[in-house]
Amino acid sequence: MAKQKAIIPAAILLAAAVASMPVGAAPLLTIQKYIPVPADAANVQPGGAFTSFDISYFDPVTRNDYVADRSNASVDIFSGSTLTFLGRATGFTGQAATTSTSGADGVLTVTSGGVTTLYAGDGNSTLKVFNATNPAAPSLLQSISTGGSFRVDEMAYSPITHQILAANNADAPAFANTFSTTNGQAPVALQHSPIVIPGAAASDGLEQPAWHPGTGSFFVSVPAFNGDQGGIAEIKTDGTVGALTKFSALGIASCSPTGLAVGGSGNVMVGCSPASGFAQAVLLHIDPTTHIGSVVATFAVSGTDEIWYDPTTHSYYVTGKNTSGNRIFDVISDITDSIAQQVLLPVSASSNPHSIAVDPFTGDVFVPLAGSTPSVINTVCPLGCIAVFGVPEPSSLPMLLSGLGLIGIAGWRWRRA
């Protein structure tokens, strides 16, 4: 008796084909779009170019990207869902003679209760607080002096104590400040200031801070301790300085720490930007008792400024340059402690794309690219832009071919039965 011919729907075969495909490497990031940065009345660059900027911040609630734009004396707001320019918070010092008096600088947002509060440092030693719930027209709520002579730079937020920590990195000595907020919103008040790191010389500065939920405190990069190798410092919520991790004691040379981000593992990634030579990014494990770091791994990326950690991909995004001098950002896994991808940026080695932020919903990576100047030529967006890198939408063709292939195999086996 002949065997009955079974008819297997193509959709089932196609689903089986997809399910049986081997799991390979994570999809690679590629350029998705260049978002133009429109010129404001404050922009005095030729053609209204976007040539000077500082830090980026991505708000996971609004899904908007916020960029400190010195060329337009503003914080620019871009949509993570439509990849378009939405508006800007204005009134900053803009691109001054030196970065020490330029603004905007450090930036972050807190969104709660339907209200988005934007915090940004300015070149006149003030922290500016905006209601940015309407990104097309942010309104200034407060401008708070830290008592310094130069810019308020990078900052971090504690969702537990609702404090902002911000660094006056260009003052001598550099100092940190904590600000109390009202559940992340205004009114905001200067709380502890100045917070000076012991052993940090007058010109050593302070760089990127981050909140560490495991220790209940902030950590900040210190470029140098008394002219020696730098490291990181813990700043407690009461304004006192806690543990100091000095890189010279760990055998790390030629670092000058800059970027810093805390991973979901509790490890801390520290970027390096030495005045000369090449350095490595350093991954530290923070001892839960002493709060002092020990080296987990190092990575061949130098000239780093901002580092971003994305809790969805469990990855650090580290700006800088590779051993060939090309401008890149590295995607470093917080799970495997290894580089998952090195993304080459479409700019010359003389450019300095040092700002980065990630959309945790799509995995899109936002990297500001400066427009062309007499010394730096930008061929992809001569007036400057925000480059968006992402994973392309999966094509149906490979899935279809896999399904058809499985159908063919099933038919061959049926004919032999």
Protein backbone atom coordinates (compact mmCIF):
# COMPACT_ATOMS: atom_id res chain seq x y z
CA MET A 1 0.00 0.00 0.00
CA ALA A 2 1.40 3.37 -1.06
CA LYS A 3 2.23 5.85 1.61
CA GLN A 4 -0.13 8.80 1.88
CA LYS A 5 1.34 12.03 0.61
CA ALA A 6 1.46 14.53 3.47
CA ILE A 7 1.01 18.17 2.53
CA ILE A 8 3.00 20.50 4.75
CA PRO A 9 2.02 24.18 4.55
CA ALA A 10 4.83 26.42 3.32
CA ALA A 11 4.38 28.77 6.28
CA ILE A 12 5.10 25.96 8.72
CA LEU A 13 8.14 24.89 6.73
CA LEU A 14 9.35 28.49 6.59
CA ALA A 15 8.95 28.91 10.35
CA ALA A 16 10.78 25.65 10.91
CA ALA A 17 13.56 26.82 8.63
CA VAL A 18 13.97 30.02 10.59
CA ALA A 19 13.85 28.21 13.94
CA SER A 20 16.48 25.73 12.78
CA MET A 21 18.93 28.39 11.62
CA PRO A 22 22.07 28.44 13.75
CA VAL A 23 22.52 31.28 16.18
CA GLY A 24 25.52 33.30 15.01
CA ALA A 25 27.18 36.55 15.98
CA ALA A 26 25.10 39.54 16.97
CA PRO A 27 23.90 41.66 14.01
CA LEU A 28 26.41 44.34 13.12
CA LEU A 29 25.72 48.04 13.38
CA THR A 30 25.78 50.00 10.12
CA ILE A 31 24.98 53.61 9.27
CA GLN A 32 21.21 54.18 9.02
CA LYS A 33 20.86 57.95 8.69
CA TYR A 34 22.60 61.30 8.99
CA ILE A 35 20.32 63.76 10.80
CA PRO A 36 21.07 67.38 9.81
CA VAL A 37 21.59 69.92 12.61
CA PRO A 38 19.80 73.16 11.66
CA ALA A 39 21.48 76.49 12.36
CA ASP A 40 20.17 78.84 15.03
CA ALA A 41 20.56 82.63 15.16
CA ALA A 42 23.40 82.16 17.66
CA ASN A 43 25.48 80.17 15.16
CA VAL A 44 28.35 82.23 13.74
CA GLN A 45 30.10 79.40 11.87
CA PRO A 46 30.40 79.64 8.05
CA GLY A 47 27.20 78.28 6.56
CA GLY A 48 25.76 77.77 10.03
CA ALA A 49 27.80 74.60 10.48
CA PHE A 50 27.63 72.34 13.53
CA THR A 51 31.33 72.20 14.39
CA SER A 52 31.56 72.30 18.20
CA PHE A 53 29.67 70.08 20.63
CA ASP A 54 30.11 68.16 23.84
CA ILE A 55 28.12 65.39 25.55
CA SER A 56 25.04 63.42 24.42
CA TYR A 57 22.29 61.85 26.51
CA PHE A 58 19.45 59.51 25.47
CA ASP A 59 16.26 59.55 27.55
CA PRO A 60 14.73 56.04 27.64
CA VAL A 61 11.26 57.40 28.48
CA THR A 62 10.89 60.10 25.82
CA ARG A 63 13.18 58.22 23.42
CA ASN A 64 14.82 61.50 22.53
CA ASP A 65 18.53 62.22 22.11
CA TYR A 66 19.92 65.39 23.71
CA VAL A 67 23.18 66.90 22.40
CA ALA A 68 25.21 69.74 23.91
CA ASP A 69 25.63 71.97 20.84
CA ARG A 70 28.11 74.80 21.34
CA SER A 71 27.88 75.99 17.74
CA ASN A 72 24.24 76.90 18.29
CA ALA A 73 24.61 77.78 22.01
CA SER A 74 22.01 75.18 22.83
CA VAL A 75 21.05 71.63 23.74
CA ASP A 76 19.58 70.04 20.62
CA ILE A 77 16.80 67.44 20.81
CA PHE A 78 16.40 64.64 18.27
CA SER A 79 13.68 62.00 18.06
CA GLY A 80 14.82 58.41 18.45
CA SER A 81 11.65 57.14 16.79
CA THR A 82 11.53 59.37 13.69
CA LEU A 83 15.26 60.26 13.58
CA THR A 84 14.48 63.94 13.11
CA PHE A 85 15.34 67.25 14.79
CA LEU A 86 12.65 68.31 17.29
CA GLY A 87 13.88 71.52 18.91
CA ARG A 88 16.48 73.00 21.24
CA ALA A 89 17.01 74.59 24.64
CA THR A 90 18.80 77.90 24.09
CA GLY A 91 20.62 80.62 26.02
CA PHE A 92 24.07 79.07 26.58
CA THR A 93 27.45 80.76 26.22
CA GLY A 94 28.07 78.95 22.94
CA GLN A 95 31.44 78.39 21.31
CA ALA A 96 33.81 80.70 23.18
CA ALA A 97 37.56 81.24 22.85
CA THR A 98 38.25 78.13 24.96
CA THR A 99 36.20 75.09 25.92
CA SER A 100 36.55 76.16 29.56
CA THR A 101 34.04 78.96 29.00
CA SER A 102 31.97 77.35 26.24
CA GLY A 103 28.50 75.85 26.66
CA ALA A 104 26.48 73.74 26.61
CA ASP A 105 28.63 70.98 28.12
CA GLY A 106 27.39 68.11 30.27
CA VAL A 107 23.73 67.16 29.77
CA LEU A 108 21.15 64.72 31.12
CA THR A 109 17.39 64.44 31.51
CA VAL A 110 14.99 62.97 34.05
CA THR A 111 11.46 62.11 32.92
CA SER A 112 8.87 61.29 35.58
CA GLY A 113 5.18 61.98 36.01
CA GLY A 114 4.93 63.06 32.39
CA VAL A 115 7.47 65.85 32.90
CA THR A 116 10.91 65.92 31.27
CA THR A 117 13.51 67.97 33.15
CA LEU A 118 16.66 68.83 31.23
CA TYR A 119 19.90 69.59 33.10
CA ALA A 120 22.83 71.15 31.26
CA GLY A 121 26.12 72.73 32.29
CA ASP A 122 27.11 76.11 30.89
CA GLY A 123 30.41 77.90 30.33
CA ASN A 124 29.71 80.52 33.03
CA SER A 125 29.80 77.98 35.90
CA THR A 126 26.04 77.50 36.03
CA LEU A 127 23.74 74.51 35.93
CA LYS A 128 20.72 75.31 33.79
CA VAL A 129 17.41 73.53 34.42
CA PHE A 130 14.72 73.37 31.72
CA ASN A 131 11.24 71.95 31.40
CA ALA A 132 11.68 70.03 28.14
CA THR A 133 8.35 68.20 28.16
CA ASN A 134 7.63 69.97 24.87
CA PRO A 135 10.87 69.37 22.96
CA ALA A 136 9.96 72.01 20.40
CA ALA A 137 10.02 74.75 23.06
CA PRO A 138 11.94 73.93 26.28
CA SER A 139 11.56 76.61 28.95
CA LEU A 140 14.29 77.70 31.36
CA LEU A 141 13.32 77.14 35.00
CA GLN A 142 16.55 77.85 36.91
CA SER A 143 20.16 78.88 36.40
CA ILE A 144 22.22 77.85 39.45
CA SER A 145 25.75 79.11 40.02
CA THR A 146 28.35 76.70 41.40
CA GLY A 147 30.64 79.58 42.40
CA GLY A 148 33.40 78.67 39.97
CA SER A 149 34.99 80.60 37.13
CA PHE A 150 34.55 78.09 34.34
CA ARG A 151 32.12 75.59 32.88
CA VAL A 152 29.93 73.05 34.62
CA ASP A 153 30.72 69.91 32.71
CA GLU A 154 29.66 66.27 32.80
CA MET A 155 27.05 65.01 35.23
CA ALA A 156 25.18 62.00 36.57
CA TYR A 157 21.86 61.35 38.32
CA SER A 158 20.99 59.14 41.29
CA PRO A 159 17.46 57.72 40.92
CA ILE A 160 17.62 56.66 44.59
CA THR A 161 18.50 59.98 46.24
CA HIS A 162 17.33 62.16 43.32
CA GLN A 163 20.64 64.00 43.28
CA ILE A 164 22.61 65.44 40.39
CA LEU A 165 26.41 65.32 40.55
CA ALA A 166 28.21 67.69 38.17
CA ALA A 167 31.90 68.54 37.77
CA ASN A 168 33.56 71.94 37.38
CA ASN A 169 36.44 70.33 35.52
CA ALA A 170 38.30 73.49 34.40
CA ASP A 171 38.55 75.29 37.73
CA ALA A 172 41.75 75.12 39.79
CA PRO A 173 41.34 72.97 41.70
CA ALA A 174 38.60 71.12 39.85
CA PHE A 175 35.62 70.32 42.04
CA ALA A 176 32.35 68.44 42.01
CA ASN A 177 28.91 69.60 43.13
CA THR A 178 25.78 67.78 44.20
CA PHE A 179 22.33 69.26 43.65
CA SER A 180 19.11 68.24 45.34
CA THR A 181 16.07 67.88 43.10
CA THR A 182 12.37 67.37 43.71
CA ASN A 183 12.05 63.74 42.61
CA GLY A 184 14.24 64.59 39.63
CA GLN A 185 12.39 67.79 38.82
CA ALA A 186 12.57 71.46 39.78
CA PRO A 187 12.98 73.14 42.17
CA VAL A 188 16.70 72.28 42.29
CA ALA A 189 19.24 73.52 44.84
CA LEU A 190 23.03 73.42 45.16
CA GLN A 191 23.65 70.97 47.99
CA HIS A 192 27.34 70.11 48.50
CA SER A 193 30.06 72.25 46.91
CA PRO A 194 32.97 72.40 46.33
CA ILE A 195 33.86 68.70 46.56
CA VAL A 196 37.62 68.46 45.95
CA ILE A 197 39.32 65.11 45.36
CA PRO A 198 42.29 64.61 47.75
CA GLY A 199 45.58 64.35 45.92
CA ALA A 200 44.22 65.81 42.70
CA ALA A 201 46.48 68.71 41.73
CA ALA A 202 45.13 72.09 40.70
CA SER A 203 45.22 71.41 36.97
CA ASP A 204 44.19 67.75 37.01
CA GLY A 205 40.47 68.21 36.31
CA LEU A 206 37.51 65.85 36.65
CA GLU A 207 35.76 64.00 33.86
CA GLN A 208 32.69 61.75 33.35
CA PRO A 209 30.79 60.65 36.48
CA ALA A 210 28.24 57.85 36.86
CA TRP A 211 25.90 56.58 39.56
CA HIS A 212 26.72 53.09 40.89
CA PRO A 213 23.62 51.34 42.27
CA GLY A 214 25.74 48.62 43.89
CA THR A 215 27.64 51.03 46.13
CA GLY A 216 24.95 53.71 46.42
CA SER A 217 27.46 56.37 45.40
CA PHE A 218 28.92 58.21 42.40
CA PHE A 219 32.21 57.48 40.67
CA VAL A 220 34.11 60.02 38.58
CA SER A 221 37.19 59.81 36.35
CA VAL A 222 40.25 61.71 37.61
CA PRO A 223 42.78 62.43 34.81
CA ALA A 224 45.75 62.62 37.21
CA PHE A 225 46.65 62.42 40.88
CA ASN A 226 49.37 65.00 41.64
CA GLY A 227 50.75 64.66 38.13
CA ASP A 228 50.91 60.86 38.38
CA GLN A 229 48.61 58.38 36.63
CA GLY A 230 44.97 59.13 37.29
CA GLY A 231 42.17 56.81 38.25
CA ILE A 232 38.66 57.06 39.63
CA ALA A 233 37.20 58.57 42.79
CA GLU A 234 34.07 57.69 44.72
CA ILE A 235 31.83 60.58 45.81
CA LYS A 236 29.21 59.78 48.41
CA THR A 237 25.74 61.26 48.53
CA ASP A 238 26.66 63.33 51.61
CA GLY A 239 29.28 65.17 49.56
CA THR A 240 32.30 63.38 51.03
CA VAL A 241 34.96 61.58 49.00
CA GLY A 242 35.14 57.82 49.40
CA ALA A 243 37.49 55.26 47.86
CA LEU A 244 40.25 56.30 45.44
CA THR A 245 41.43 53.84 42.78
CA LYS A 246 44.82 54.98 41.49
CA PHE A 247 45.91 53.45 38.19
CA SER A 248 49.60 53.66 39.08
CA ALA A 249 48.94 51.09 41.82
CA LEU A 250 47.27 48.81 39.25
CA GLY A 251 50.13 48.96 36.73
CA ILE A 252 48.11 51.04 34.25
CA ALA A 253 50.34 53.57 32.49
CA SER A 254 49.61 56.43 30.10
CA CYS A 255 45.89 56.66 30.71
CA SER A 256 44.60 60.08 31.84
CA PRO A 257 41.05 58.81 32.56
CA THR A 258 38.14 60.52 30.84
CA GLY A 259 34.96 58.57 30.06
CA LEU A 260 33.33 56.37 32.70
CA ALA A 261 30.25 54.15 32.70
CA VAL A 262 28.84 51.59 35.13
CA GLY A 263 27.66 48.30 33.65
CA GLY A 264 24.81 46.08 34.75
CA SER A 265 27.41 43.72 36.21
CA GLY A 266 28.61 46.46 38.53
CA ASN A 267 31.91 46.73 36.66
CA VAL A 268 33.14 50.15 35.59
CA MET A 269 34.53 50.97 32.13
CA VAL A 270 37.07 53.81 32.10
CA GLY A 271 38.31 55.48 28.93
CA CYS A 272 41.73 57.03 28.49
CA SER A 273 42.88 60.08 26.57
CA PRO A 274 46.59 60.69 27.22
CA ALA A 275 48.25 63.89 26.05
CA SER A 276 50.53 61.81 23.85
CA GLY A 277 50.95 58.18 22.89
CA PHE A 278 48.34 55.43 22.96
CA ALA A 279 46.40 54.09 25.94
CA GLN A 280 43.84 51.38 26.58
CA ALA A 281 40.32 51.52 27.98
CA VAL A 282 40.24 49.83 31.36
CA LEU A 283 37.45 47.63 32.74
CA LEU A 284 37.39 47.59 36.55
CA HIS A 285 35.68 45.37 39.10
CA ILE A 286 34.56 47.39 42.11
CA ASP A 287 35.08 45.57 45.41
CA PRO A 288 31.70 45.57 47.19
CA THR A 289 33.35 46.25 50.57
CA THR A 290 36.21 48.63 49.89
CA HIS A 291 34.76 50.21 46.71
CA ILE A 292 38.28 50.09 45.21
CA GLY A 293 38.68 48.87 41.63
CA SER A 294 40.79 46.04 40.23
CA VAL A 295 41.55 45.40 36.55
CA VAL A 296 39.29 42.94 34.72
CA ALA A 297 40.47 43.64 31.15
CA THR A 298 41.94 46.33 28.91
CA PHE A 299 40.96 47.21 25.35
CA ALA A 300 42.90 48.83 22.52
CA VAL A 301 40.98 52.08 22.16
CA SER A 302 42.47 55.47 23.03
CA GLY A 303 41.48 59.13 22.84
CA THR A 304 38.21 58.36 24.58
CA ASP A 305 35.78 60.94 25.90
CA GLU A 306 32.18 59.88 26.54
CA ILE A 307 31.28 56.24 27.29
CA TRP A 308 27.68 54.98 27.22
CA TYR A 309 26.27 51.81 28.78
CA ASP A 310 23.14 50.24 27.29
CA PRO A 311 21.25 47.88 29.64
CA THR A 312 19.36 46.22 26.78
CA THR A 313 22.38 45.03 24.80
CA HIS A 314 24.47 44.73 28.00
CA SER A 315 27.24 46.64 26.25
CA TYR A 316 29.54 49.60 26.72
CA TYR A 317 29.92 52.01 23.78
CA VAL A 318 33.39 53.54 23.91
CA THR A 319 34.40 56.49 21.74
CA GLY A 320 37.99 56.96 20.60
CA LYS A 321 40.49 55.80 18.01
CA ASN A 322 42.05 52.46 17.15
CA THR A 323 45.73 51.54 16.89
CA SER A 324 45.78 52.83 13.29
CA GLY A 325 44.56 56.25 14.42
CA ASN A 326 41.12 55.89 12.82
CA ARG A 327 38.14 57.35 14.67
CA ILE A 328 35.89 54.57 15.91
CA PHE A 329 33.60 53.45 18.67
CA ASP A 330 33.88 50.03 20.26
CA VAL A 331 30.95 47.93 21.40
CA ILE A 332 32.22 45.96 24.41
CA SER A 333 30.09 43.23 25.99
CA ASP A 334 29.46 43.46 29.72
CA ILE A 335 28.80 39.71 29.66
CA THR A 336 31.89 38.40 27.89
CA ASP A 337 34.20 41.36 28.65
CA SER A 338 35.26 41.39 25.01
CA ILE A 339 34.85 43.62 21.95
CA ALA A 340 31.70 42.65 20.03
CA GLN A 341 32.26 45.15 17.22
CA GLN A 342 34.51 48.04 16.27
CA VAL A 343 32.63 50.61 14.17
CA LEU A 344 34.70 52.80 11.89
CA LEU A 345 33.32 56.35 11.74
CA PRO A 346 33.09 58.10 8.34
CA VAL A 347 35.38 60.97 9.33
CA SER A 348 39.06 61.78 9.02
CA ALA A 349 41.53 60.91 11.76
CA SER A 350 41.89 64.62 12.54
CA SER A 351 38.22 64.84 13.52
CA ASN A 352 37.10 64.23 17.11
CA PRO A 353 33.71 62.49 17.38
CA HIS A 354 33.74 62.06 21.15
CA SER A 355 30.06 61.94 22.09
CA ILE A 356 27.74 58.90 22.03
CA ALA A 357 24.33 57.70 23.27
CA VAL A 358 22.15 54.63 22.61
CA ASP A 359 18.40 54.05 22.26
CA PRO A 360 17.68 51.03 24.50
CA PHE A 361 14.56 50.12 22.50
CA THR A 362 16.06 49.90 19.02
CA GLY A 363 19.78 49.67 19.77
CA ASP A 364 20.36 52.70 17.53
CA VAL A 365 23.60 54.52 18.32
CA PHE A 366 23.74 58.33 18.03
CA VAL A 367 27.14 59.91 17.27
CA PRO A 368 27.48 63.65 16.53
CA LEU A 369 29.84 64.43 13.64
CA ALA A 370 31.34 67.91 13.35
CA GLY A 371 31.02 69.76 10.07
CA SER A 372 33.95 70.77 7.92
CA THR A 373 36.51 73.32 9.11
CA PRO A 374 39.76 74.49 7.47
CA SER A 375 41.59 71.67 9.27
CA VAL A 376 38.92 68.94 9.21
CA ILE A 377 36.96 67.90 6.13
CA ASN A 378 33.62 66.11 6.56
CA THR A 379 32.48 64.59 3.27
CA VAL A 380 29.32 62.82 4.51
CA CYS A 381 27.67 65.89 6.10
CA PRO A 382 29.79 69.03 5.52
CA LEU A 383 27.63 71.17 7.83
CA GLY A 384 27.64 68.55 10.60
CA CYS A 385 25.05 65.98 11.61
CA ILE A 386 24.06 63.22 14.01
CA ALA A 387 25.10 59.87 12.57
CA VAL A 388 22.71 57.08 13.53
CA PHE A 389 24.03 53.53 13.47
CA GLY A 390 21.71 50.56 13.81
CA VAL A 391 20.91 47.02 12.78
CA PRO A 392 19.15 46.91 9.39
CA GLU A 393 15.65 45.48 9.29
CA PRO A 394 15.90 41.77 8.48
CA SER A 395 15.31 41.01 4.82
CA SER A 396 12.62 38.50 3.96
CA LEU A 397 14.72 37.08 1.12
CA PRO A 398 17.15 34.99 3.22
CA MET A 399 14.24 33.68 5.26
CA LEU A 400 12.32 32.83 2.10
CA LEU A 401 15.30 31.06 0.56
CA SER A 402 15.79 29.06 3.73
CA GLY A 403 12.13 28.11 3.72
CA LEU A 404 12.17 27.12 0.05
CA GLY A 405 15.28 25.09 0.68
CA LEU A 406 13.56 23.17 3.44
CA ILE A 407 10.51 22.65 1.25
CA GLY A 408 12.78 21.19 -1.42
CA ILE A 409 14.40 18.84 1.06
CA ALA A 410 10.99 17.75 2.35
CA GLY A 411 9.80 17.09 -1.21
CA TRP A 412 12.93 15.07 -2.03
CA ARG A 413 12.46 12.96 1.05
CA TRP A 414 8.75 12.45 0.23
CA ARG A 415 9.55 11.30 -3.31
CA ARG A 416 12.03 8.72 -1.98
CA ALA A 417 9.46 7.36 0.47
